[in-house]
Protein backbone atom coordinates (compact mmCIF):
# COMPACT_ATOMS: atom_id res chain seq x y z
CA UNK A 1 -54.73 53.40 5.04
CA UNK A 2 -58.23 53.46 6.53
CA UNK A 3 -59.25 56.64 8.26
CA UNK A 4 -60.35 56.35 11.89
CA UNK A 5 -63.80 57.50 12.89
CA UNK A 6 -63.64 60.96 14.43
CA UNK A 7 -65.90 62.02 17.25
CA UNK A 8 -65.99 65.46 15.69
CA UNK A 9 -63.69 67.79 13.82
CA UNK A 10 -64.66 70.92 15.77
CA UNK A 11 -62.43 72.69 18.26
CA UNK A 12 -58.70 73.04 18.71
CA UNK A 13 -57.08 69.63 18.35
CA UNK A 14 -55.44 68.17 21.46
CA UNK A 15 -53.34 64.99 21.51
CA UNK A 16 -55.92 63.31 23.77
CA UNK A 17 -58.62 63.79 21.14
CA UNK A 18 -57.26 60.52 19.72
CA UNK A 19 -58.79 58.86 22.77
CA UNK A 20 -62.18 60.37 21.99
CA UNK A 21 -61.91 59.10 18.43
CA UNK A 22 -61.03 55.66 19.76
CA UNK A 23 -63.99 55.71 22.16
CA UNK A 24 -66.30 56.87 19.38
CA UNK A 25 -65.06 54.06 17.17
CA UNK A 26 -65.88 51.54 19.93
CA UNK A 27 -69.14 53.13 21.07
CA UNK A 28 -71.28 50.06 20.33
CA UNK A 29 -69.19 47.89 22.65
CA UNK A 30 -69.15 50.66 25.25
CA UNK A 31 -72.93 51.00 25.18
CA UNK A 32 -73.26 47.24 25.66
CA UNK A 33 -70.88 47.32 28.64
CA UNK A 34 -72.56 50.41 30.09
CA UNK A 35 -75.95 48.73 29.78
CA UNK A 36 -74.64 45.70 31.65
CA UNK A 37 -73.10 47.80 34.44
CA UNK A 38 -76.17 49.97 34.88
CA UNK A 39 -78.53 47.00 35.02
CA UNK A 40 -76.20 45.29 37.48
CA UNK A 41 -75.89 48.28 39.83
CA UNK A 42 -79.21 50.10 39.45
CA UNK A 43 -82.33 47.96 39.68
CA UNK A 44 -84.59 50.51 37.99
CA UNK A 45 -82.73 49.99 34.71
CA UNK A 46 -83.48 46.25 34.74
CA UNK A 47 -87.16 47.07 34.26
CA UNK A 48 -86.79 49.22 31.15
CA UNK A 49 -87.59 48.10 27.63
CA UNK A 50 -84.23 47.03 26.18
CA UNK A 51 -84.66 48.83 22.84
CA UNK A 52 -85.45 52.24 24.37
CA UNK A 53 -82.81 51.83 27.07
CA UNK A 54 -80.13 50.95 24.51
CA UNK A 55 -81.14 53.83 22.22
CA UNK A 56 -81.00 56.35 25.07
CA UNK A 57 -77.60 55.05 26.19
CA UNK A 58 -76.21 55.25 22.67
CA UNK A 59 -77.40 58.84 22.31
CA UNK A 60 -75.92 59.85 25.66
CA UNK A 61 -72.54 58.17 24.99
CA UNK A 62 -72.19 59.60 21.49
CA UNK A 63 -73.14 63.09 22.66
CA UNK A 64 -70.75 62.99 25.63
CA UNK A 65 -67.82 61.86 23.50
CA UNK A 66 -68.52 64.58 20.92
CA UNK A 67 -68.93 67.32 23.53
CA UNK A 68 -65.74 66.32 25.38
CA UNK A 69 -63.73 67.63 22.44
CA UNK A 70 -64.81 71.21 23.18
CA UNK A 71 -63.33 73.31 25.96
CA UNK A 72 -65.38 74.33 27.76
CA UNK A 73 -67.90 71.66 26.79
CA UNK A 74 -71.01 73.14 25.16
CA UNK A 75 -73.98 71.41 23.65
CA UNK A 76 -75.36 72.37 20.27
CA UNK A 77 -79.11 72.94 20.03
CA UNK A 78 -79.44 69.48 18.46
CA UNK A 79 -77.40 67.82 21.22
CA UNK A 80 -79.44 69.62 23.87
CA UNK A 81 -82.66 68.39 22.28
CA UNK A 82 -81.26 64.84 22.11
CA UNK A 83 -80.33 64.76 25.80
CA UNK A 84 -83.62 66.38 26.77
CA UNK A 85 -85.40 63.55 24.95
CA UNK A 86 -83.37 61.06 26.99
CA UNK A 87 -84.32 62.82 30.24
CA UNK A 88 -87.98 63.02 29.28
CA UNK A 89 -87.96 59.35 28.32
CA UNK A 90 -86.56 58.40 31.72
CA UNK A 91 -89.15 60.59 33.48
CA UNK A 92 -91.99 58.93 31.55
CA UNK A 93 -90.94 55.50 32.72
CA UNK A 94 -90.36 56.60 36.30
CA UNK A 95 -86.57 56.54 36.67
CA UNK A 96 -85.75 58.51 39.83
CA UNK A 97 -83.39 61.44 39.26
CA UNK A 98 -80.89 60.04 41.77
CA UNK A 99 -80.70 56.78 39.81
CA UNK A 100 -80.21 58.69 36.57
CA UNK A 101 -77.38 60.73 38.15
CA UNK A 102 -75.68 57.54 39.32
CA UNK A 103 -76.09 56.11 35.82
CA UNK A 104 -74.28 59.13 34.37
CA UNK A 105 -71.45 58.56 36.84
CA UNK A 106 -71.20 54.91 35.83
CA UNK A 107 -70.98 56.09 32.21
CA UNK A 108 -68.31 58.70 32.96
CA UNK A 109 -66.30 56.11 34.87
CA UNK A 110 -66.48 53.73 31.90
CA UNK A 111 -65.34 56.42 29.45
CA UNK A 112 -62.38 57.30 31.69
CA UNK A 113 -61.56 53.61 32.24
CA UNK A 114 -61.63 52.81 28.51
CA UNK A 115 -59.72 55.95 27.57
CA UNK A 116 -57.06 55.31 30.21
CA UNK A 117 -56.59 51.75 28.98
CA UNK A 118 -56.24 52.90 25.35
CA UNK A 119 -53.88 55.81 26.11
CA UNK A 120 -50.55 53.93 26.11
CA UNK A 121 -51.28 52.30 22.75
CA UNK A 122 -52.05 55.70 21.24
CA UNK A 123 -48.94 57.36 22.67
CA UNK A 124 -50.89 59.53 25.09
CA UNK A 125 -48.73 60.75 27.98
CA UNK A 126 -49.95 61.17 31.57
CA UNK A 127 -50.43 64.97 31.31
CA UNK A 128 -52.44 64.51 28.12
CA UNK A 129 -54.43 61.75 29.80
CA UNK A 130 -55.33 64.20 32.57
CA UNK A 131 -56.72 66.55 29.90
CA UNK A 132 -58.82 63.68 28.58
CA UNK A 133 -60.14 62.80 32.05
CA UNK A 134 -61.03 66.42 32.86
CA UNK A 135 -62.65 66.97 29.45
CA UNK A 136 -64.64 63.76 29.69
CA UNK A 137 -65.89 64.48 33.21
CA UNK A 138 -66.84 68.07 32.24
CA UNK A 139 -68.74 66.82 29.19
CA UNK A 140 -70.48 64.20 31.29
CA UNK A 141 -71.51 66.89 33.79
CA UNK A 142 -73.01 69.00 31.00
CA UNK A 143 -74.95 65.98 29.70
CA UNK A 144 -76.05 64.96 33.18
CA UNK A 145 -77.34 68.44 34.03
CA UNK A 146 -79.20 68.75 30.73
CA UNK A 147 -80.81 65.33 31.12
CA UNK A 148 -81.71 65.92 34.78
CA UNK A 149 -83.37 69.26 34.00
CA UNK A 150 -85.47 67.68 31.28
CA UNK A 151 -86.35 64.76 33.52
CA UNK A 152 -87.33 67.12 36.32
CA UNK A 153 -89.50 69.27 33.98
CA UNK A 154 -91.24 66.17 32.62
CA UNK A 155 -91.84 64.80 36.14
CA UNK A 156 -93.57 68.03 37.20
CA UNK A 157 -95.92 68.07 34.21
């Protein structure tokens, strides 16, 4: 039997962590969908170089899914540096902070949407799904704040 990709092994296991593993396993498709939604809704993202945009999205999605496993969500030094790079990259190319914050919300919505759709097939009950939603939103908030701070610092320089 093939072993599923795990977002991370750290932290106390919760039944809804299966959703995070499922999201992590499908992160390439999620990044593609997130890219489409962001470009559709936020014009500033249509102007970005596709390679850099895709790389930054992949880093943000992977980090958010990994961090969502921890309660409360905390970034490692490496994850902080990764998200700071994303924020600095967006500042360099002139993405307004408000657009970046909306982009994070679009990403959080997609994670919740995909996780909610996968829950029944993984045997995740409604109370466990609530834990997933709360953990995902909290992790997204941590990522959003870290990225926004770095973007703000880079904009001032």
